[in-house]
Amino acid sequence: MTPRQKPRRRTTLALMLTGLLVLTVTAFAGYRLMNARSYQIFGTLVDRVDTDDKVVALTFDDGPTSRTPEVQRLLNEAGIRATFYLNGTDLRANPEHGRLIADAGHELGNHTDTHRRMVFVSADTVRDEIERTDEAIRATGYTGPITVRPPYGKKLLRLPHYLAEHDRTTVMWDVEPDSAATADTAGIVAATLAQTRPGSIILMHVMFPSRQASLDAVPDVVAGLTAEGYRFVTVSELLES
């Protein structure tokens, strides 16, 4: 290697390392943005409402499924309304369960049509996932506002951009007591009571048999928070507060 070739090699190596560093930083930033609960580039995102009033929103993701009547029974016995983030595919497969939720006065939210990760998808896919679910929600007879919750809480650019263009709100959460599928009922209740604050949005998963512990926790979660002076409202009511 000649003396003239050595600086060129060092320059090439430096450029390669710089490019690798830029790619790494970009990937890390994208990952953080994709998973952020309290921030997105476009539009409105809410994970908790800043209020001193002891109001909270209890929300359920996925479905509806054959477990819907049991969930509704527990909420009816507790005398509260909740917000259900539902999938269009499941709504079309179980229209009677969607109508049950709507007829009981609960709020229906959009959890996309197929529950796919809304990250590296096309603009057409985003539109189709959201609008097909909106149609399925309206088919239940529900006439209220429809907010959107991304599956797995993951969003990057196209979903927030679409929602911003249509003046739609992205709803995340600040309390997720059953994030581990192995969480037991007592642990779910304890975590909820410990983490809930005025204006909290609580996320629970109760629609599948693997989530029996979460379903069993609902009465004690409601009773415990009620005893602490909390009042349960829908997500839209919480946003208005």
Protein backbone atom coordinates (compact mmCIF):
# COMPACT_ATOMS: atom_id res chain seq x y z
CA MET A 1 0.00 0.00 0.00
CA THR A 2 1.43 3.36 -1.01
CA PRO A 3 1.54 6.32 1.41
CA ARG A 4 -1.14 8.01 -0.70
CA GLN A 5 -3.53 5.03 -0.38
CA LYS A 6 -3.42 4.95 3.44
CA PRO A 7 -5.29 8.28 4.01
CA ARG A 8 -7.90 7.20 1.46
CA ARG A 9 -8.43 3.94 3.32
CA ARG A 10 -8.76 5.77 6.64
CA THR A 11 -11.27 8.19 5.08
CA THR A 12 -13.35 5.34 3.69
CA LEU A 13 -13.33 3.56 7.04
CA ALA A 14 -14.36 6.76 8.84
CA LEU A 15 -17.24 7.30 6.42
CA MET A 16 -18.41 3.72 6.91
CA LEU A 17 -18.32 4.06 10.69
CA THR A 18 -20.15 7.38 10.53
CA GLY A 19 -22.84 5.85 8.33
CA LEU A 20 -23.22 2.91 10.69
CA LEU A 21 -23.54 5.28 13.63
CA VAL A 22 -26.21 7.33 11.84
CA LEU A 23 -28.17 4.18 10.99
CA THR A 24 -27.94 2.96 14.59
CA VAL A 25 -29.12 6.27 16.04
CA THR A 26 -31.96 6.47 13.50
CA ALA A 27 -33.08 2.94 14.26
CA PHE A 28 -33.01 3.59 18.00
CA ALA A 29 -34.99 6.82 17.61
CA GLY A 30 -37.53 5.06 15.43
CA TYR A 31 -37.90 2.27 17.97
CA ARG A 32 -38.46 4.76 20.79
CA LEU A 33 -40.99 6.70 18.73
CA MET A 34 -42.81 3.53 17.67
CA ASN A 35 -43.30 2.44 21.28
CA ALA A 36 -43.79 5.83 22.95
CA ARG A 37 -46.94 5.96 25.05
CA SER A 38 -47.05 9.73 25.43
CA TYR A 39 -45.72 11.10 22.14
CA GLN A 40 -46.22 10.88 18.38
CA ILE A 41 -45.09 13.16 15.55
CA PHE A 42 -48.52 13.95 14.10
CA GLY A 43 -51.88 14.67 15.68
CA THR A 44 -53.21 14.21 19.20
CA LEU A 45 -52.14 11.43 21.52
CA VAL A 46 -53.47 10.94 25.05
CA ASP A 47 -52.21 8.45 27.61
CA ARG A 48 -53.62 10.20 30.67
CA VAL A 49 -55.64 13.36 31.26
CA ASP A 50 -54.12 15.97 33.53
CA THR A 51 -56.83 16.58 36.14
CA ASP A 52 -57.23 16.78 39.89
CA ASP A 53 -60.64 15.11 39.72
CA LYS A 54 -60.64 11.45 40.70
CA VAL A 55 -61.96 10.18 37.39
CA VAL A 56 -60.52 7.27 35.41
CA ALA A 57 -61.32 5.40 32.21
CA LEU A 58 -61.34 1.61 32.23
CA THR A 59 -60.58 0.24 28.78
CA PHE A 60 -60.52 -3.23 27.27
CA ASP A 61 -58.64 -4.27 24.14
CA ASP A 62 -59.50 -6.86 21.47
CA GLY A 63 -62.59 -8.77 20.47
CA PRO A 64 -65.48 -8.87 20.81
CA THR A 65 -65.52 -12.58 21.60
CA SER A 66 -67.85 -15.07 23.27
CA ARG A 67 -66.63 -13.72 26.62
CA THR A 68 -68.30 -10.36 25.97
CA PRO A 69 -71.53 -11.20 27.86
CA GLU A 70 -69.53 -12.08 30.97
CA VAL A 71 -67.55 -8.83 30.78
CA GLN A 72 -70.80 -6.91 30.34
CA ARG A 73 -72.34 -8.70 33.32
CA LEU A 74 -69.47 -7.67 35.59
CA LEU A 75 -69.65 -4.04 34.45
CA ASN A 76 -73.42 -3.98 34.85
CA GLU A 77 -73.17 -5.34 38.39
CA ALA A 78 -70.59 -2.67 39.19
CA GLY A 79 -72.76 0.02 37.61
CA ILE A 80 -70.00 1.49 35.43
CA ARG A 81 -69.36 2.13 31.76
CA ALA A 82 -66.11 1.29 30.01
CA THR A 83 -64.46 1.79 26.63
CA PHE A 84 -63.89 -1.23 24.38
CA TYR A 85 -61.20 -1.03 21.68
CA LEU A 86 -62.46 -3.58 19.18
CA ASN A 87 -61.22 -5.18 15.97
CA GLY A 88 -63.26 -4.95 12.80
CA THR A 89 -62.71 -8.61 11.91
CA ASP A 90 -64.03 -9.74 15.30
CA LEU A 91 -66.96 -7.34 15.13
CA ARG A 92 -68.05 -8.81 11.81
CA ALA A 93 -67.62 -12.34 13.18
CA ASN A 94 -69.54 -11.57 16.39
CA PRO A 95 -72.04 -8.80 15.54
CA GLU A 96 -74.35 -9.70 18.43
CA HIS A 97 -71.55 -9.09 20.93
CA GLY A 98 -70.75 -5.72 19.41
CA ARG A 99 -74.41 -4.73 19.69
CA LEU A 100 -74.45 -5.90 23.32
CA ILE A 101 -71.61 -3.51 24.16
CA ALA A 102 -73.24 -0.62 22.31
CA ASP A 103 -76.72 -1.26 23.73
CA ALA A 104 -75.32 -1.26 27.27
CA GLY A 105 -74.07 2.31 26.79
CA HIS A 106 -70.36 1.59 26.64
CA GLU A 107 -68.00 3.40 24.32
CA LEU A 108 -66.60 1.62 21.26
CA GLY A 109 -63.11 2.44 20.03
CA ASN A 110 -61.15 1.44 16.92
CA HIS A 111 -58.39 -1.16 17.43
CA THR A 112 -57.89 -1.68 13.65
CA ASP A 113 -59.43 -4.34 11.48
CA THR A 114 -56.91 -7.17 11.78
CA HIS A 115 -54.88 -6.20 14.87
CA ARG A 116 -51.68 -5.97 12.87
CA ARG A 117 -48.77 -3.78 13.94
CA MET A 118 -49.38 -0.38 12.35
CA VAL A 119 -45.74 0.51 11.77
CA PHE A 120 -44.21 -0.50 8.43
CA VAL A 121 -47.46 -0.42 6.47
CA SER A 122 -48.67 1.57 3.47
CA ALA A 123 -51.01 4.55 3.61
CA ASP A 124 -53.65 2.45 1.85
CA THR A 125 -53.35 -0.25 4.51
CA VAL A 126 -53.77 2.29 7.30
CA ARG A 127 -56.87 3.73 5.68
CA ASP A 128 -58.36 0.28 5.10
CA GLU A 129 -57.63 -0.93 8.64
CA ILE A 130 -59.23 2.13 10.25
CA GLU A 131 -62.19 2.69 7.94
CA ARG A 132 -63.30 -0.96 7.82
CA THR A 133 -63.33 -0.99 11.61
CA ASP A 134 -65.25 2.28 11.77
CA GLU A 135 -67.88 0.72 9.52
CA ALA A 136 -68.13 -2.36 11.73
CA ILE A 137 -68.48 -0.19 14.83
CA ARG A 138 -71.28 1.87 13.29
CA ALA A 139 -73.03 -1.34 12.24
CA THR A 140 -73.57 -2.11 15.96
CA GLY A 141 -75.77 0.98 16.28
CA TYR A 142 -73.13 2.91 18.21
CA THR A 143 -73.32 6.63 17.40
CA GLY A 144 -70.73 8.15 19.73
CA PRO A 145 -67.18 9.34 19.08
CA ILE A 146 -64.62 6.77 17.93
CA THR A 147 -61.07 7.15 19.17
CA VAL A 148 -58.25 4.88 17.98
CA ARG A 149 -55.81 2.66 19.85
CA PRO A 150 -52.95 1.10 17.85
CA PRO A 151 -52.49 -2.64 18.36
CA TYR A 152 -49.68 -3.30 20.83
CA GLY A 153 -49.47 0.48 21.21
CA LYS A 154 -47.15 0.63 18.19
CA LYS A 155 -47.29 3.50 15.69
CA LEU A 156 -44.70 5.39 13.71
CA LEU A 157 -45.60 7.78 10.88
CA ARG A 158 -48.43 6.71 8.59
CA LEU A 159 -51.03 5.90 11.25
CA PRO A 160 -50.53 9.16 13.21
CA HIS A 161 -50.51 11.10 9.93
CA TYR A 162 -53.81 9.55 8.82
CA LEU A 163 -55.42 10.21 12.21
CA ALA A 164 -54.18 13.80 12.26
CA GLU A 165 -55.62 14.42 8.79
CA HIS A 166 -59.01 13.15 9.99
CA ASP A 167 -58.94 14.91 13.37
CA ARG A 168 -58.85 11.60 15.25
CA THR A 169 -57.31 11.01 18.67
CA THR A 170 -54.80 8.27 19.46
CA VAL A 171 -55.56 6.83 22.89
CA MET A 172 -52.81 5.01 24.77
CA TRP A 173 -52.74 4.27 28.52
CA ASP A 174 -50.72 4.87 31.66
CA VAL A 175 -51.83 1.79 33.65
CA GLU A 176 -51.50 -1.73 32.22
CA PRO A 177 -51.63 -4.15 35.16
CA ASP A 178 -51.87 -7.34 33.08
CA SER A 179 -49.08 -6.66 30.58
CA ALA A 180 -47.55 -9.99 31.54
CA ALA A 181 -49.84 -12.80 30.44
CA THR A 182 -48.79 -14.75 33.55
CA ALA A 183 -49.96 -12.04 35.99
CA ASP A 184 -52.32 -13.39 38.64
CA THR A 185 -55.55 -11.78 39.78
CA ALA A 186 -54.23 -10.45 43.07
CA GLY A 187 -51.21 -8.93 41.34
CA ILE A 188 -53.36 -7.27 38.70
CA VAL A 189 -55.59 -5.70 41.34
CA ALA A 190 -52.66 -4.54 43.46
CA ALA A 191 -50.83 -3.04 40.47
CA THR A 192 -53.92 -1.16 39.33
CA LEU A 193 -54.60 0.34 42.73
CA ALA A 194 -50.95 1.32 43.14
CA GLN A 195 -50.50 2.91 39.71
CA THR A 196 -53.82 4.67 39.10
CA ARG A 197 -53.92 8.46 39.41
CA PRO A 198 -56.60 11.04 38.66
CA GLY A 199 -57.10 11.03 34.90
CA SER A 200 -55.60 7.57 34.36
CA ILE A 201 -56.48 5.39 31.40
CA ILE A 202 -56.41 1.76 32.51
CA LEU A 203 -55.85 -0.98 29.93
CA MET A 204 -56.95 -4.55 30.59
CA HIS A 205 -57.20 -7.65 28.40
CA VAL A 206 -60.18 -9.84 29.21
CA MET A 207 -61.50 -11.20 25.92
CA PHE A 208 -59.68 -14.54 25.73
CA PRO A 209 -59.51 -17.61 28.00
CA SER A 210 -55.79 -17.04 28.57
CA ARG A 211 -56.75 -13.79 30.33
CA GLN A 212 -59.03 -15.30 32.97
CA ALA A 213 -56.98 -13.69 35.74
CA SER A 214 -57.66 -10.27 34.23
CA LEU A 215 -61.38 -10.93 33.96
CA ASP A 216 -61.49 -12.11 37.56
CA ALA A 217 -59.69 -8.94 38.63
CA VAL A 218 -62.28 -6.54 37.21
CA PRO A 219 -64.72 -6.56 40.20
CA ASP A 220 -61.94 -5.96 42.73
CA VAL A 221 -60.31 -3.28 40.57
CA VAL A 222 -63.62 -1.43 40.34
CA ALA A 223 -64.42 -1.90 44.02
CA GLY A 224 -60.94 -0.87 45.14
CA LEU A 225 -60.81 2.30 43.07
CA THR A 226 -64.39 3.20 44.00
CA ALA A 227 -63.46 2.86 47.67
CA GLU A 228 -60.61 5.32 47.05
CA GLY A 229 -63.10 7.83 45.66
CA TYR A 230 -62.60 7.27 41.94
CA ARG A 231 -65.40 7.59 39.41
CA PHE A 232 -65.39 5.61 36.16
CA VAL A 233 -66.09 7.37 32.85
CA THR A 234 -65.59 6.55 29.19
CA VAL A 235 -62.48 7.73 27.36
CA SER A 236 -64.38 10.50 25.55
CA GLU A 237 -65.87 11.72 28.82
CA LEU A 238 -62.40 11.71 30.35
CA LEU A 239 -61.03 13.75 27.44
CA GLU A 240 -63.81 16.28 27.90
CA SER A 241 -62.95 16.66 31.57
